[in-house]
Amino acid sequence: MDHAEAFVWHKHVSIKISIFSWMLLRTRLPTRSNLVDRGIIIDDAVGCLTGCGVTETSQHLFITCDFYGSLWHKVRS
């Protein structure tokens, strides 16, 4: 178990948070990019929901998206 997994599966962290964090670290969240890769939605629907024109990935949603990235920054602080 690496350092990140030890933090994710810490006994004081809620199981819901642990599962979400594990899925985020393993790029298993149901982003549009992952849903297209799995054949659940069509390629045309891969863009970010905000209409910014960027492919919706975990990194985009939590870090680089102007709307959602700033929202997560506010939640974190």
N, C-alpha and C. Protein backbone atom coordinates (compact mmCIF):
# COMPACT_ATOMS: atom_id res chain seq x y z
N MET A 1 0.84 -1.17 0.00
CA MET A 1 0.00 0.00 0.00
C MET A 1 0.89 1.24 0.00
N ASP A 2 0.66 2.14 -0.96
CA ASP A 2 1.46 3.35 -1.01
C ASP A 2 0.91 4.41 -0.05
N HIS A 3 1.58 5.54 0.01
CA HIS A 3 1.22 6.60 0.95
C HIS A 3 -0.20 7.12 0.72
N ALA A 4 -0.57 7.31 -0.55
CA ALA A 4 -1.91 7.83 -0.85
C ALA A 4 -2.99 6.86 -0.40
N GLU A 5 -2.79 5.57 -0.64
CA GLU A 5 -3.79 4.59 -0.23
C GLU A 5 -3.90 4.51 1.29
N ALA A 6 -2.80 4.66 1.98
CA ALA A 6 -2.84 4.65 3.45
C ALA A 6 -3.67 5.83 3.96
N PHE A 7 -3.57 6.96 3.30
CA PHE A 7 -4.36 8.13 3.67
C PHE A 7 -5.83 7.92 3.34
N VAL A 8 -6.11 7.37 2.15
CA VAL A 8 -7.48 7.16 1.70
C VAL A 8 -8.22 6.19 2.62
N TRP A 9 -7.56 5.11 3.00
CA TRP A 9 -8.21 4.07 3.79
C TRP A 9 -7.93 4.22 5.29
N HIS A 10 -7.69 5.44 5.75
CA HIS A 10 -7.45 5.70 7.17
C HIS A 10 -8.74 5.45 7.95
N LYS A 11 -8.62 4.94 9.15
CA LYS A 11 -9.80 4.56 9.94
C LYS A 11 -10.67 5.75 10.35
N HIS A 12 -10.13 6.96 10.34
CA HIS A 12 -10.92 8.14 10.72
C HIS A 12 -11.59 8.81 9.53
N VAL A 13 -11.40 8.25 8.34
CA VAL A 13 -12.02 8.81 7.14
C VAL A 13 -13.30 8.02 6.85
N SER A 14 -14.38 8.73 6.58
CA SER A 14 -15.65 8.09 6.26
C SER A 14 -15.49 7.15 5.07
N ILE A 15 -16.21 6.03 5.09
CA ILE A 15 -16.10 5.05 4.00
C ILE A 15 -16.53 5.66 2.67
N LYS A 16 -17.53 6.55 2.67
CA LYS A 16 -17.95 7.21 1.42
C LYS A 16 -16.83 8.06 0.85
N ILE A 17 -16.14 8.78 1.71
CA ILE A 17 -15.02 9.62 1.27
C ILE A 17 -13.88 8.74 0.78
N SER A 18 -13.63 7.65 1.47
CA SER A 18 -12.57 6.73 1.07
C SER A 18 -12.84 6.14 -0.31
N ILE A 19 -14.06 5.70 -0.55
CA ILE A 19 -14.41 5.12 -1.85
C ILE A 19 -14.30 6.17 -2.95
N PHE A 20 -14.83 7.36 -2.69
CA PHE A 20 -14.73 8.44 -3.68
C PHE A 20 -13.27 8.77 -3.99
N SER A 21 -12.45 8.89 -2.96
CA SER A 21 -11.03 9.21 -3.15
C SER A 21 -10.31 8.11 -3.90
N TRP A 22 -10.61 6.87 -3.57
CA TRP A 22 -9.99 5.74 -4.26
C TRP A 22 -10.36 5.76 -5.74
N MET A 23 -11.65 6.00 -6.02
CA MET A 23 -12.09 6.08 -7.42
C MET A 23 -11.43 7.24 -8.15
N LEU A 24 -11.27 8.36 -7.47
CA LEU A 24 -10.61 9.53 -8.07
C LEU A 24 -9.15 9.22 -8.39
N LEU A 25 -8.43 8.62 -7.45
CA LEU A 25 -7.02 8.31 -7.67
C LEU A 25 -6.82 7.27 -8.77
N ARG A 26 -7.78 6.38 -8.93
CA ARG A 26 -7.69 5.32 -9.95
C ARG A 26 -8.38 5.69 -11.26
N THR A 27 -8.81 6.94 -11.40
CA THR A 27 -9.57 7.45 -12.56
C THR A 27 -10.75 6.54 -12.89
N ARG A 28 -11.53 6.22 -11.89
CA ARG A 28 -12.71 5.37 -12.05
C ARG A 28 -14.03 6.13 -11.86
N LEU A 29 -13.97 7.44 -11.65
CA LEU A 29 -15.20 8.22 -11.52
C LEU A 29 -15.94 8.23 -12.85
N PRO A 30 -17.27 8.28 -12.82
CA PRO A 30 -18.03 8.25 -14.08
C PRO A 30 -18.03 9.60 -14.81
N THR A 31 -16.85 10.05 -15.20
CA THR A 31 -16.76 11.27 -16.01
C THR A 31 -17.19 10.93 -17.42
N ARG A 32 -17.48 11.93 -18.20
CA ARG A 32 -17.91 11.68 -19.58
C ARG A 32 -16.84 10.95 -20.38
N SER A 33 -15.59 11.27 -20.13
CA SER A 33 -14.49 10.59 -20.82
C SER A 33 -14.50 9.09 -20.50
N ASN A 34 -14.65 8.73 -19.23
CA ASN A 34 -14.70 7.32 -18.84
C ASN A 34 -15.94 6.63 -19.39
N LEU A 35 -17.07 7.33 -19.42
CA LEU A 35 -18.30 6.73 -19.95
C LEU A 35 -18.19 6.46 -21.44
N VAL A 36 -17.52 7.34 -22.18
CA VAL A 36 -17.28 7.10 -23.61
C VAL A 36 -16.35 5.91 -23.78
N ASP A 37 -15.28 5.84 -22.99
CA ASP A 37 -14.35 4.71 -23.07
C ASP A 37 -15.03 3.38 -22.80
N ARG A 38 -16.03 3.37 -21.94
CA ARG A 38 -16.76 2.14 -21.60
C ARG A 38 -17.90 1.85 -22.56
N GLY A 39 -18.16 2.77 -23.51
CA GLY A 39 -19.21 2.57 -24.49
C GLY A 39 -20.61 2.86 -23.95
N ILE A 40 -20.71 3.63 -22.88
CA ILE A 40 -22.01 3.93 -22.28
C ILE A 40 -22.67 5.13 -22.96
N ILE A 41 -21.87 6.13 -23.33
CA ILE A 41 -22.39 7.27 -24.08
C ILE A 41 -21.57 7.42 -25.36
N ILE A 42 -22.10 8.21 -26.29
CA ILE A 42 -21.43 8.38 -27.58
C ILE A 42 -20.31 9.42 -27.49
N ASP A 43 -19.41 9.37 -28.46
CA ASP A 43 -18.24 10.26 -28.48
C ASP A 43 -18.62 11.74 -28.51
N ASP A 44 -19.76 12.08 -29.07
CA ASP A 44 -20.16 13.48 -29.18
C ASP A 44 -20.44 14.12 -27.83
N ALA A 45 -20.68 13.31 -26.79
CA ALA A 45 -21.06 13.83 -25.48
C ALA A 45 -19.89 13.90 -24.51
N VAL A 46 -18.65 13.91 -25.01
CA VAL A 46 -17.48 13.84 -24.14
C VAL A 46 -17.10 15.19 -23.52
N GLY A 47 -17.66 16.28 -24.01
CA GLY A 47 -17.29 17.61 -23.52
C GLY A 47 -17.81 17.91 -22.12
N CYS A 48 -17.18 18.87 -21.49
CA CYS A 48 -17.56 19.32 -20.14
C CYS A 48 -18.99 19.86 -20.16
N LEU A 49 -19.70 19.61 -19.10
CA LEU A 49 -21.10 20.03 -18.98
C LEU A 49 -21.26 21.54 -19.04
N THR A 50 -20.23 22.29 -18.64
CA THR A 50 -20.33 23.75 -18.65
C THR A 50 -20.23 24.33 -20.06
N GLY A 51 -19.87 23.52 -21.04
CA GLY A 51 -19.78 24.00 -22.41
C GLY A 51 -18.46 24.68 -22.74
N CYS A 52 -17.44 24.44 -21.92
CA CYS A 52 -16.15 25.09 -22.16
C CYS A 52 -15.38 24.45 -23.31
N GLY A 53 -15.84 23.30 -23.81
CA GLY A 53 -15.21 22.67 -24.95
C GLY A 53 -14.08 21.72 -24.63
N VAL A 54 -13.79 21.50 -23.36
CA VAL A 54 -12.71 20.60 -22.95
C VAL A 54 -13.32 19.25 -22.58
N THR A 55 -12.58 18.18 -22.84
CA THR A 55 -13.03 16.84 -22.48
C THR A 55 -13.19 16.72 -20.97
N GLU A 56 -14.33 16.17 -20.54
CA GLU A 56 -14.61 16.05 -19.11
C GLU A 56 -13.87 14.85 -18.52
N THR A 57 -12.79 15.14 -17.81
CA THR A 57 -12.01 14.13 -17.09
C THR A 57 -11.99 14.53 -15.62
N SER A 58 -11.49 13.66 -14.77
CA SER A 58 -11.39 13.98 -13.35
C SER A 58 -10.50 15.20 -13.13
N GLN A 59 -9.37 15.24 -13.83
CA GLN A 59 -8.45 16.36 -13.67
C GLN A 59 -9.12 17.67 -14.09
N HIS A 60 -9.86 17.62 -15.19
CA HIS A 60 -10.54 18.84 -15.64
C HIS A 60 -11.58 19.28 -14.62
N LEU A 61 -12.40 18.35 -14.14
CA LEU A 61 -13.48 18.71 -13.22
C LEU A 61 -12.98 19.25 -11.89
N PHE A 62 -11.90 18.69 -11.38
CA PHE A 62 -11.46 19.08 -10.04
C PHE A 62 -10.35 20.11 -10.02
N ILE A 63 -9.69 20.34 -11.16
CA ILE A 63 -8.54 21.26 -11.14
C ILE A 63 -8.64 22.35 -12.19
N THR A 64 -8.77 21.98 -13.46
CA THR A 64 -8.59 22.96 -14.53
C THR A 64 -9.86 23.64 -15.02
N CYS A 65 -11.03 23.10 -14.74
CA CYS A 65 -12.28 23.72 -15.20
C CYS A 65 -12.48 25.05 -14.49
N ASP A 66 -12.78 26.09 -15.26
CA ASP A 66 -12.97 27.41 -14.67
C ASP A 66 -14.13 27.41 -13.66
N PHE A 67 -15.20 26.71 -13.97
CA PHE A 67 -16.35 26.70 -13.07
C PHE A 67 -16.18 25.71 -11.93
N TYR A 68 -16.04 24.43 -12.25
CA TYR A 68 -15.97 23.40 -11.21
C TYR A 68 -14.66 23.44 -10.42
N GLY A 69 -13.57 23.77 -11.08
CA GLY A 69 -12.30 23.88 -10.38
C GLY A 69 -12.34 24.95 -9.31
N SER A 70 -12.94 26.09 -9.63
CA SER A 70 -13.06 27.17 -8.64
C SER A 70 -14.04 26.78 -7.53
N LEU A 71 -15.07 26.04 -7.88
CA LEU A 71 -16.03 25.57 -6.88
C LEU A 71 -15.35 24.65 -5.88
N TRP A 72 -14.55 23.69 -6.35
CA TRP A 72 -13.84 22.78 -5.46
C TRP A 72 -12.82 23.51 -4.61
N HIS A 73 -12.21 24.56 -5.18
CA HIS A 73 -11.27 25.36 -4.40
C HIS A 73 -11.98 26.02 -3.23
N LYS A 74 -13.20 26.52 -3.46
CA LYS A 74 -13.97 27.15 -2.39
C LYS A 74 -14.40 26.12 -1.35
N VAL A 75 -14.80 24.94 -1.79
CA VAL A 75 -15.19 23.87 -0.86
C VAL A 75 -14.01 23.47 0.01
N ARG A 76 -12.84 23.34 -0.60
CA ARG A 76 -11.64 22.93 0.11
C ARG A 76 -11.23 23.95 1.17
N SER A 77 -11.43 25.22 0.89
CA SER A 77 -11.03 26.26 1.87
C SER A 77 -12.19 26.65 2.72
